[in-house]
Amino acid sequence: MAEQKQDPKKDSIWSRYTEEDKQALEALSAGYRDFLSRCKTERESAAEAVRRAEAAGYRNLAEILSAGEKIRPGDKVYAVNMKKAVVLFNIGTEPLEKGMTILGAHIDTCRLDVKQNPLYEDGGLAYLDTHYYGGIKKYQWVTLPLAIHGVVAKKDGTVQEIVIGEDESDPVFCVTDLLIHLSQEQMKKTAAKVIEGEGLDILVGNYPLKKDDKESVKEGVLRLIKEKYGMEEEDFQSAELALVPAGKARDLGFDRSMVLGYGQDDRVCAYTSLVAMLETEQVRKTACCLLVDKEEIGSVGATGMRSRFFENTVAELMNAMGVYSELGLRRVLASSRMLSSDVSSAYDALYASSYDKKNVAYLGKGMVFNKFTGARGKSGSNDANAEYLGEIRAMMEKHHVHYQLSELGKVDLGGGGTIAYIMSLYGMQVIDSGVGVLSMHAPWEATSKIDIYETKKGYAAFLKEA
């Protein structure tokens, strides 16, 4: 029998790295872990993107417009949408009508959101009622240490930022589970039913304010949050508070080759897109980095990709450049090219039956491209043109980017979507690209450092070449 040759795209690429490469990889990974640890909500990620952009010389588009200034090639600007979405532009030397090169990722993550009337007491315990956000396996969220991140908007117009559970001196919170000794009936339920959505309430207190008084524990919790945050119970009505896994992202494995952290879908692609954008100096075509909200629930709402934020911002940009027209805007969008920067499922040997081994991403094999996503018969998918994929392959190989082609899993098992199909509605060329992830949508997800580094290289190559 002839010896079977291995596909070079499936070989590990660690051995090909120089010491300089490894140092750059570790530096990127350290910054990424810090980003994961500090920015666990879309508001926090957007604020960090603005901070980094301004440090790199980007200016606020709204301030430029209010001052009546013109925008010219070489200028770097950004715009923010409701503190939950951000877009950056590096103005190129070519006319805008020839299109832009766009990196687009999302910065929202799966979590438990606190309801508007959440606080109650039962059995001497105080709880916060929650509504889960995004596609989760509910049983994964019990008995974990959780932190509260978010804001409280009060009637006087002040907005109080809240983070509780990340500092070592902070308390944490959790969803309780039924003890194994009493769980015979619970264990008969399917995984989808073993923990119900209405059972994801957060334990927040047990200390009674006054002995034997009804709801004294709840009153004790209210007193504490009023003393520390000036917050009344009714202020929950205009709050956005999320429960997320407490703690920092960490190196994973004896060899420290991977990253374990919360919300890597899709902040791994958001971070690498942002870093690539900020490292890119002069460009021929205008470069754009778009970080949006609400992808995990269908890209809806004023801060999701379905909103007109991006289109309206491009129109404002064109107007400030003195080139706006409705037809011109349509030409800019149709002529643009985009990498929809989102994660892909990575092969997990413990669940091998869920994957087509020939068409799946592997950790440590580099940047991932998905020609299509969607579910089963490609439902809800952007299916990229073969010609565009051929051009992308040439770009990656020119810049020595290690990449792989992937699907999410076996055809009939399900699937998922990204923002790619929304942007393709403008007529632009779009393909999904990003990092392979293990345990996607779990409270803690795993990625490969080398895939993170290669993806950043790939995004930088795209901005230079597309």
Protein backbone atom coordinates (compact mmCIF):
# COMPACT_ATOMS: atom_id res chain seq x y z
CA MET A 1 0.00 0.00 0.00
CA ALA A 2 1.35 3.43 -0.89
CA GLU A 3 2.25 5.68 2.00
CA GLN A 4 -0.50 8.25 2.63
CA LYS A 5 0.76 11.82 2.44
CA GLN A 6 -0.30 14.28 5.10
CA ASP A 7 -1.95 17.53 4.10
CA PRO A 8 0.61 20.26 4.98
CA LYS A 9 -2.29 22.52 6.07
CA LYS A 10 -3.06 19.96 8.79
CA ASP A 11 0.51 19.77 10.13
CA SER A 12 1.31 21.60 13.32
CA ILE A 13 3.00 24.92 12.65
CA TRP A 14 4.68 25.40 16.04
CA SER A 15 7.92 23.86 14.76
CA ARG A 16 8.12 26.44 11.98
CA TYR A 17 8.24 29.40 14.34
CA THR A 18 11.46 31.25 15.15
CA GLU A 19 12.18 32.52 18.64
CA GLU A 20 11.19 35.99 17.42
CA ASP A 21 7.86 34.62 16.22
CA LYS A 22 7.26 32.94 19.57
CA GLN A 23 8.01 36.14 21.47
CA ALA A 24 5.56 38.09 19.30
CA LEU A 25 2.97 35.35 19.80
CA GLU A 26 3.34 35.46 23.58
CA ALA A 27 3.11 39.25 23.61
CA LEU A 28 -0.14 39.14 21.62
CA SER A 29 -1.49 36.38 23.86
CA ALA A 30 -0.70 38.34 27.04
CA GLY A 31 -2.55 41.38 25.72
CA TYR A 32 -5.44 39.20 24.66
CA ARG A 33 -5.76 37.52 28.06
CA ASP A 34 -5.79 40.93 29.70
CA PHE A 35 -8.51 42.09 27.31
CA LEU A 36 -10.62 38.99 28.03
CA SER A 37 -10.20 39.48 31.77
CA ARG A 38 -11.15 43.16 31.86
CA CYS A 39 -13.71 43.50 29.06
CA LYS A 40 -16.55 41.06 29.63
CA THR A 41 -19.44 43.08 28.21
CA GLU A 42 -19.97 44.88 24.93
CA ARG A 43 -19.80 48.24 26.74
CA GLU A 44 -16.43 47.39 28.26
CA SER A 45 -15.09 46.07 24.94
CA ALA A 46 -16.28 49.18 23.07
CA ALA A 47 -14.69 51.48 25.65
CA GLU A 48 -11.40 49.60 25.39
CA ALA A 49 -11.48 49.81 21.59
CA VAL A 50 -11.95 53.59 21.81
CA ARG A 51 -9.13 53.92 24.34
CA ARG A 52 -6.74 51.99 22.12
CA ALA A 53 -7.87 53.82 18.98
CA GLU A 54 -7.29 57.24 20.51
CA ALA A 55 -3.85 56.13 21.74
CA ALA A 56 -3.07 55.17 18.12
CA GLY A 57 -4.09 58.58 16.79
CA TYR A 58 -7.73 57.99 15.82
CA ARG A 59 -10.13 60.91 16.28
CA ASN A 60 -13.82 60.96 17.14
CA LEU A 61 -15.83 61.41 13.93
CA ALA A 62 -18.63 63.18 15.80
CA GLU A 63 -16.22 65.85 17.04
CA ILE A 64 -14.77 66.30 13.54
CA LEU A 65 -18.24 66.74 12.07
CA SER A 66 -19.33 69.23 14.74
CA ALA A 67 -16.21 71.29 14.08
CA GLY A 68 -16.95 71.31 10.35
CA GLU A 69 -13.56 69.81 9.47
CA LYS A 70 -12.85 67.93 6.28
CA ILE A 71 -11.58 64.36 6.23
CA ARG A 72 -8.66 63.54 3.91
CA PRO A 73 -6.55 60.53 2.94
CA GLY A 74 -4.35 59.49 5.85
CA ASP A 75 -6.88 60.52 8.49
CA LYS A 76 -7.92 57.99 11.12
CA VAL A 77 -11.36 58.31 12.69
CA TYR A 78 -13.80 56.31 14.78
CA ALA A 79 -17.49 56.41 15.67
CA VAL A 80 -19.40 54.88 18.59
CA ASN A 81 -22.99 53.65 18.65
CA MET A 82 -24.71 53.86 22.07
CA LYS A 83 -21.48 52.78 23.80
CA LYS A 84 -21.99 49.23 22.48
CA ALA A 85 -20.59 49.26 18.94
CA VAL A 86 -17.55 50.92 17.38
CA VAL A 87 -16.27 51.45 13.85
CA LEU A 88 -12.78 52.64 12.89
CA PHE A 89 -11.69 54.04 9.51
CA ASN A 90 -8.17 54.51 8.16
CA ILE A 91 -8.71 56.68 5.07
CA GLY A 92 -6.85 55.38 2.02
CA THR A 93 -5.38 57.13 -0.99
CA GLU A 94 -7.82 55.58 -3.49
CA PRO A 95 -11.28 57.12 -4.02
CA LEU A 96 -13.80 55.74 -1.56
CA GLU A 97 -16.05 54.59 -4.42
CA LYS A 98 -13.51 51.84 -5.15
CA GLY A 99 -14.59 50.28 -1.88
CA MET A 100 -13.19 49.55 1.56
CA THR A 101 -11.48 46.60 3.22
CA ILE A 102 -13.57 45.69 6.25
CA LEU A 103 -12.93 43.53 9.30
CA GLY A 104 -16.20 42.94 11.16
CA ALA A 105 -16.57 41.13 14.49
CA HIS A 106 -19.03 41.13 17.36
CA ILE A 107 -18.32 42.00 21.00
CA ASP A 108 -21.43 40.68 22.74
CA THR A 109 -21.16 37.34 24.56
CA CYS A 110 -23.45 34.73 26.07
CA ARG A 111 -24.38 35.55 29.66
CA LEU A 112 -27.17 35.85 32.24
CA ASP A 113 -28.96 39.23 32.22
CA VAL A 114 -30.63 40.54 35.38
CA LYS A 115 -34.34 41.18 34.87
CA GLN A 116 -35.95 44.60 35.50
CA ASN A 117 -37.74 43.48 38.70
CA PRO A 118 -35.27 40.87 39.89
CA LEU A 119 -34.73 40.91 43.65
CA TYR A 120 -36.72 38.54 45.86
CA GLU A 121 -36.39 36.45 49.01
CA ASP A 122 -37.42 32.85 49.60
CA GLY A 123 -36.47 30.52 52.47
CA GLY A 124 -34.17 33.08 54.02
CA LEU A 125 -32.17 33.47 50.78
CA ALA A 126 -32.07 36.49 48.49
CA TYR A 127 -31.97 35.98 44.71
CA LEU A 128 -31.75 37.96 41.49
CA ASP A 129 -34.03 36.74 38.70
CA THR A 130 -32.27 36.46 35.32
CA HIS A 131 -32.95 35.98 31.62
CA TYR A 132 -30.20 34.20 29.71
CA TYR A 133 -28.73 35.90 26.62
CA GLY A 134 -27.62 33.96 23.57
CA GLY A 135 -27.44 30.24 22.91
CA ILE A 136 -26.26 28.47 26.05
CA LYS A 137 -26.39 25.04 27.63
CA LYS A 138 -28.13 26.14 30.81
CA TYR A 139 -26.73 23.34 32.98
CA GLN A 140 -23.20 24.71 32.40
CA TRP A 141 -23.99 27.86 34.39
CA VAL A 142 -24.79 26.31 37.78
CA THR A 143 -22.39 26.37 40.80
CA LEU A 144 -19.89 28.62 39.00
CA PRO A 145 -18.51 31.76 40.67
CA LEU A 146 -20.13 34.63 38.79
CA ALA A 147 -19.41 38.36 38.67
CA ILE A 148 -21.80 41.24 38.01
CA HIS A 149 -20.84 43.69 35.24
CA GLY A 150 -22.95 46.54 33.94
CA VAL A 151 -24.48 49.95 34.48
CA VAL A 152 -27.36 51.47 36.42
CA ALA A 153 -28.99 54.52 34.82
CA LYS A 154 -30.80 56.60 37.43
CA LYS A 155 -33.67 59.03 36.97
CA ASP A 156 -31.40 62.03 37.60
CA GLY A 157 -29.40 61.11 34.49
CA THR A 158 -26.36 59.69 36.26
CA VAL A 159 -25.01 56.32 35.12
CA GLN A 160 -23.24 54.14 37.66
CA GLU A 161 -20.81 51.51 36.39
CA ILE A 162 -20.76 48.31 38.43
CA VAL A 163 -18.24 45.46 38.54
CA ILE A 164 -18.50 43.07 41.48
CA GLY A 165 -16.69 39.77 41.71
CA GLU A 166 -13.45 40.34 39.80
CA ASP A 167 -11.26 41.67 42.60
CA GLU A 168 -9.99 39.04 45.06
CA SER A 169 -11.61 40.98 47.89
CA ASP A 170 -15.01 41.03 46.15
CA PRO A 171 -17.84 38.60 46.85
CA VAL A 172 -19.04 36.39 43.99
CA PHE A 173 -22.48 35.01 43.12
CA CYS A 174 -23.80 31.69 41.81
CA VAL A 175 -26.72 29.62 40.55
CA THR A 176 -27.27 26.70 42.92
CA ASP A 177 -27.92 23.08 41.92
CA LEU A 178 -29.84 20.23 43.51
CA LEU A 179 -27.69 17.93 45.59
CA ILE A 180 -26.98 14.52 44.03
CA HIS A 181 -28.66 12.75 46.98
CA LEU A 182 -32.08 14.16 45.97
CA SER A 183 -31.68 14.33 42.22
CA GLN A 184 -33.09 11.00 41.00
CA GLU A 185 -35.96 12.72 39.18
CA GLN A 186 -33.76 15.56 37.95
CA MET A 187 -31.26 13.12 36.43
CA LYS A 188 -34.01 11.58 34.28
CA LYS A 189 -34.50 14.87 32.41
CA THR A 190 -32.82 15.69 29.11
CA ALA A 191 -29.88 18.07 29.14
CA ALA A 192 -32.15 20.77 27.69
CA LYS A 193 -34.52 20.45 30.67
CA VAL A 194 -32.32 19.51 33.62
CA ILE A 195 -31.94 23.25 34.35
CA GLU A 196 -34.78 25.51 33.17
CA GLY A 197 -34.33 29.12 32.10
CA GLU A 198 -36.42 30.33 35.04
CA GLY A 199 -34.16 28.31 37.34
CA LEU A 200 -31.08 30.40 36.56
CA ASP A 201 -31.61 32.77 39.48
CA ILE A 202 -28.57 34.13 41.27
CA LEU A 203 -27.95 33.66 44.98
CA VAL A 204 -26.96 37.06 46.40
CA GLY A 205 -27.63 37.07 50.15
CA ASN A 206 -28.49 35.26 53.39
CA TYR A 207 -27.87 37.80 56.16
CA PRO A 208 -31.14 39.18 57.66
CA LEU A 209 -31.30 42.88 58.40
CA LYS A 210 -33.60 42.24 61.39
CA LYS A 211 -34.23 38.90 63.04
CA ASP A 212 -37.37 37.07 61.85
CA ASP A 213 -38.71 40.03 59.83
CA LYS A 214 -40.33 39.08 56.53
CA GLU A 215 -37.96 39.71 53.57
CA SER A 216 -35.28 40.91 55.98
CA VAL A 217 -32.53 39.32 53.88
CA LYS A 218 -33.74 41.16 50.80
CA GLU A 219 -33.84 44.40 52.79
CA GLY A 220 -30.27 43.75 53.88
CA VAL A 221 -29.15 43.40 50.27
CA LEU A 222 -30.96 46.61 49.33
CA ARG A 223 -29.28 48.48 52.17
CA LEU A 224 -25.85 47.30 51.03
CA ILE A 225 -26.32 48.32 47.40
CA LYS A 226 -27.71 51.68 48.45
CA GLU A 227 -24.74 52.37 50.71
CA LYS A 228 -22.20 51.41 48.05
CA TYR A 229 -23.90 52.49 44.82
CA GLY A 230 -26.69 54.87 45.87
CA MET A 231 -29.06 52.45 44.17
CA GLU A 232 -32.72 51.95 45.10
CA GLU A 233 -34.69 48.84 44.25
CA GLU A 234 -36.60 50.67 41.53
CA ASP A 235 -33.27 51.49 39.83
CA PHE A 236 -33.09 47.90 38.61
CA GLN A 237 -35.76 48.99 36.12
CA SER A 238 -33.23 51.05 34.16
CA ALA A 239 -30.17 48.89 34.72
CA GLU A 240 -28.18 46.65 32.40
CA LEU A 241 -26.52 44.10 34.66
CA ALA A 242 -25.00 40.85 33.44
CA LEU A 243 -23.73 37.80 35.30
CA VAL A 244 -20.54 36.47 33.74
CA PRO A 245 -17.94 33.95 34.92
CA ALA A 246 -15.71 35.55 37.56
CA GLY A 247 -11.95 35.42 37.18
CA LYS A 248 -9.18 36.01 34.70
CA ALA A 249 -8.36 34.28 31.43
CA ARG A 250 -5.48 31.85 31.87
CA ASP A 251 -2.92 29.89 29.90
CA LEU A 252 -4.23 26.38 29.24
CA GLY A 253 -2.17 23.18 29.26
CA PHE A 254 1.18 22.10 30.67
CA ASP A 255 2.79 23.63 27.59
CA ARG A 256 0.81 26.91 27.90
CA SER A 257 -0.09 26.60 24.22
CA MET A 258 -3.74 27.61 24.63
CA VAL A 259 -5.94 30.23 26.28
CA LEU A 260 -8.89 29.42 28.55
CA GLY A 261 -11.27 32.32 29.07
CA TYR A 262 -14.85 33.57 29.04
CA GLY A 263 -16.42 35.06 25.92
CA GLN A 264 -13.80 34.18 23.33
CA ASP A 265 -16.68 33.96 20.87
CA ASP A 266 -16.24 36.50 19.45
CA ARG A 267 -13.82 38.65 21.35
CA VAL A 268 -10.90 36.63 20.02
CA CYS A 269 -11.73 37.91 16.52
CA ALA A 270 -12.65 41.39 17.78
CA TYR A 271 -9.29 41.73 19.54
CA THR A 272 -7.20 40.44 16.64
CA SER A 273 -9.15 42.61 14.19
CA LEU A 274 -8.60 45.68 16.36
CA VAL A 275 -4.88 44.99 16.82
CA ALA A 276 -4.41 44.43 13.08
CA MET A 277 -6.28 47.65 12.32
CA LEU A 278 -4.25 49.73 14.75
CA GLU A 279 -0.97 48.29 13.48
CA THR A 280 -1.85 49.19 9.88
CA GLU A 281 -0.48 52.58 8.85
CA GLN A 282 -0.88 53.92 5.31
CA VAL A 283 -3.39 52.08 3.14
CA ARG A 284 -4.39 52.21 -0.49
CA LYS A 285 -8.04 51.36 0.07
CA THR A 286 -9.80 52.77 3.11
CA ALA A 287 -9.55 50.21 5.91
CA CYS A 288 -12.36 49.63 8.37
CA CYS A 289 -12.72 47.71 11.64
CA LEU A 290 -16.31 47.18 12.75
CA LEU A 291 -17.15 45.84 16.23
CA VAL A 292 -20.87 45.31 16.79
CA ASP A 293 -23.37 44.13 19.39
CA LYS A 294 -26.29 41.66 19.48
CA GLU A 295 -24.89 39.00 17.13
CA GLU A 296 -25.68 36.27 19.64
CA ILE A 297 -29.40 37.08 19.42
CA GLY A 298 -29.68 37.67 15.68
CA SER A 299 -27.86 41.02 15.18
CA VAL A 300 -31.08 42.87 16.04
CA GLY A 301 -31.68 46.25 17.67
CA ALA A 302 -30.07 49.64 17.28
CA THR A 303 -26.59 48.35 18.12
CA GLY A 304 -26.71 45.15 16.06
CA MET A 305 -25.50 44.68 12.50
CA ARG A 306 -29.07 44.89 11.17
CA SER A 307 -29.22 48.54 12.25
CA ARG A 308 -28.21 51.36 9.89
CA PHE A 309 -25.32 52.49 12.12
CA PHE A 310 -22.59 51.35 9.75
CA GLU A 311 -24.32 52.61 6.61
CA ASN A 312 -25.14 55.97 8.23
CA THR A 313 -21.57 56.39 9.46
CA VAL A 314 -20.15 55.71 6.00
CA ALA A 315 -22.55 58.36 4.62
CA GLU A 316 -21.32 60.88 7.22
CA LEU A 317 -17.72 59.99 6.36
CA MET A 318 -18.33 60.55 2.66
CA ASN A 319 -20.04 63.85 3.36
CA ALA A 320 -17.05 65.03 5.41
CA MET A 321 -14.83 64.07 2.47
CA GLY A 322 -17.03 66.05 0.08
CA VAL A 323 -17.98 63.03 -2.01
CA TYR A 324 -21.41 62.01 -0.69
CA SER A 325 -24.26 61.01 -2.94
CA GLU A 326 -26.81 58.22 -2.52
CA LEU A 327 -25.48 56.45 -5.60
CA GLY A 328 -21.91 56.96 -4.39
CA LEU A 329 -22.76 55.37 -1.04
CA ARG A 330 -24.23 52.33 -2.80
CA ARG A 331 -21.08 52.02 -4.91
CA VAL A 332 -18.80 52.25 -1.89
CA LEU A 333 -20.67 49.46 -0.09
CA ALA A 334 -21.01 47.22 -3.14
CA SER A 335 -17.33 47.60 -4.03
CA SER A 336 -16.09 46.80 -0.53
CA ARG A 337 -14.59 43.52 0.61
CA MET A 338 -15.01 42.05 4.04
CA LEU A 339 -13.72 39.38 6.36
CA SER A 340 -16.58 38.56 8.69
CA SER A 341 -14.36 37.93 11.70
CA ASP A 342 -16.03 35.22 13.73
CA VAL A 343 -15.01 31.97 15.37
CA SER A 344 -15.44 28.45 14.06
CA SER A 345 -15.91 25.15 15.85
CA ALA A 346 -12.66 23.23 16.37
CA TYR A 347 -12.27 19.47 16.35
CA ASP A 348 -12.67 17.87 19.78
CA ALA A 349 -11.61 14.21 19.93
CA LEU A 350 -14.03 13.60 22.81
CA TYR A 351 -16.94 14.38 20.46
CA ALA A 352 -15.44 13.12 17.20
CA SER A 353 -18.75 11.85 15.84
CA SER A 354 -20.03 15.43 15.50
CA TYR A 355 -17.39 16.44 12.94
CA ASP A 356 -16.39 15.70 9.38
CA LYS A 357 -12.65 15.27 9.93
CA LYS A 358 -11.83 16.34 6.38
CA ASN A 359 -13.69 19.63 6.76
CA VAL A 360 -13.16 20.86 10.30
CA ALA A 361 -10.79 23.30 11.95
CA TYR A 362 -8.05 21.94 14.20
CA LEU A 363 -6.42 23.80 17.08
CA GLY A 364 -2.87 24.80 16.23
CA LYS A 365 -3.36 24.71 12.44
CA GLY A 366 -3.82 28.44 11.87
CA MET A 367 -6.47 30.91 10.79
CA VAL A 368 -9.86 29.45 9.76
CA PHE A 369 -11.96 30.33 6.71
CA ASN A 370 -15.56 29.19 6.38
CA LYS A 371 -16.81 29.47 2.79
CA PHE A 372 -20.32 29.09 4.22
CA THR A 373 -22.00 28.67 7.60
CA GLY A 374 -25.74 28.36 8.16
CA ALA A 375 -27.68 25.29 9.21
CA ARG A 376 -28.17 21.97 7.42
CA GLY A 377 -28.84 23.00 3.79
CA LYS A 378 -26.81 26.21 4.27
CA SER A 379 -29.92 27.97 5.62
CA GLY A 380 -29.14 31.52 6.74
CA SER A 381 -25.68 31.41 5.20
CA ASN A 382 -23.48 33.73 3.24
CA ASP A 383 -21.84 31.40 0.71
CA ALA A 384 -18.71 33.19 -0.51
CA ASN A 385 -17.81 33.19 -4.21
CA ALA A 386 -15.05 30.81 -5.27
CA GLU A 387 -13.20 33.67 -7.02
CA TYR A 388 -13.11 35.68 -3.80
CA LEU A 389 -11.82 32.72 -1.84
CA GLY A 390 -9.11 32.21 -4.45
CA GLU A 391 -7.99 35.82 -3.99
CA ILE A 392 -8.01 35.41 -0.21
CA ARG A 393 -5.83 32.29 -0.47
CA ALA A 394 -3.32 34.20 -2.58
CA MET A 395 -3.19 37.04 -0.03
CA MET A 396 -2.61 34.68 2.86
CA GLU A 397 0.14 32.76 1.10
CA LYS A 398 1.87 35.95 -0.03
CA HIS A 399 2.12 37.02 3.63
CA HIS A 400 2.99 33.52 4.91
CA VAL A 401 -0.22 33.18 6.91
CA HIS A 402 -1.05 29.60 7.92
CA TYR A 403 -4.74 28.95 7.30
CA GLN A 404 -7.28 26.15 7.03
CA LEU A 405 -10.75 25.71 5.49
CA SER A 406 -13.55 24.51 7.72
CA GLU A 407 -17.22 23.81 8.28
CA LEU A 408 -18.96 24.02 11.67
CA GLY A 409 -19.70 20.30 11.93
CA LYS A 410 -21.59 17.46 10.29
CA VAL A 411 -24.23 18.71 7.88
CA ASP A 412 -27.41 17.57 9.63
CA LEU A 413 -26.40 18.31 13.23
CA GLY A 414 -27.27 21.99 13.22
CA GLY A 415 -25.15 25.02 12.47
CA GLY A 416 -24.90 28.72 13.11
CA GLY A 417 -24.59 32.14 11.53
CA THR A 418 -22.55 35.33 11.63
CA ILE A 419 -22.92 38.91 10.43
CA ALA A 420 -21.59 37.92 6.98
CA TYR A 421 -24.97 37.46 5.32
CA ILE A 422 -26.13 40.90 6.51
CA MET A 423 -23.16 42.71 4.99
CA SER A 424 -23.45 40.67 1.79
CA LEU A 425 -26.85 42.29 1.23
CA TYR A 426 -24.95 45.39 0.07
CA GLY A 427 -23.44 43.30 -2.74
CA MET A 428 -19.95 43.26 -1.26
CA GLN A 429 -17.70 40.19 -1.21
CA VAL A 430 -17.75 38.61 2.25
CA ILE A 431 -16.28 35.47 3.79
CA ASP A 432 -16.21 34.21 7.37
CA SER A 433 -12.80 33.95 8.98
CA GLY A 434 -11.38 33.67 12.46
CA VAL A 435 -10.18 31.32 15.18
CA GLY A 436 -11.19 27.75 16.00
CA VAL A 437 -12.73 27.38 19.48
CA LEU A 438 -13.30 24.43 21.81
CA SER A 439 -16.38 24.46 24.10
CA MET A 440 -17.94 27.36 22.17
CA HIS A 441 -20.68 29.19 24.13
CA ALA A 442 -19.66 27.49 27.39
CA PRO A 443 -18.74 29.74 30.33
CA TRP A 444 -15.06 28.97 29.64
CA GLU A 445 -13.85 28.48 26.06
CA ALA A 446 -10.46 27.33 24.74
CA THR A 447 -8.37 28.61 21.82
CA SER A 448 -4.84 28.05 20.51
CA LYS A 449 -2.30 30.84 20.85
CA ILE A 450 -0.85 30.06 17.45
CA ASP A 451 -4.27 30.34 15.81
CA ILE A 452 -4.80 33.71 17.49
CA TYR A 453 -1.45 34.96 16.21
CA GLU A 454 -1.94 33.64 12.67
CA THR A 455 -5.41 35.20 12.56
CA LYS A 456 -4.03 38.60 13.50
CA LYS A 457 -1.44 38.21 10.74
CA GLY A 458 -4.19 37.25 8.31
CA TYR A 459 -6.31 40.28 9.16
CA ALA A 460 -3.29 42.57 8.72
CA ALA A 461 -2.53 40.98 5.33
CA PHE A 462 -6.13 41.50 4.20
CA LEU A 463 -6.07 45.22 5.09
CA LYS A 464 -2.90 45.67 3.06
CA GLU A 465 -3.82 43.60 0.00
CA ALA A 466 -7.59 43.53 -0.56
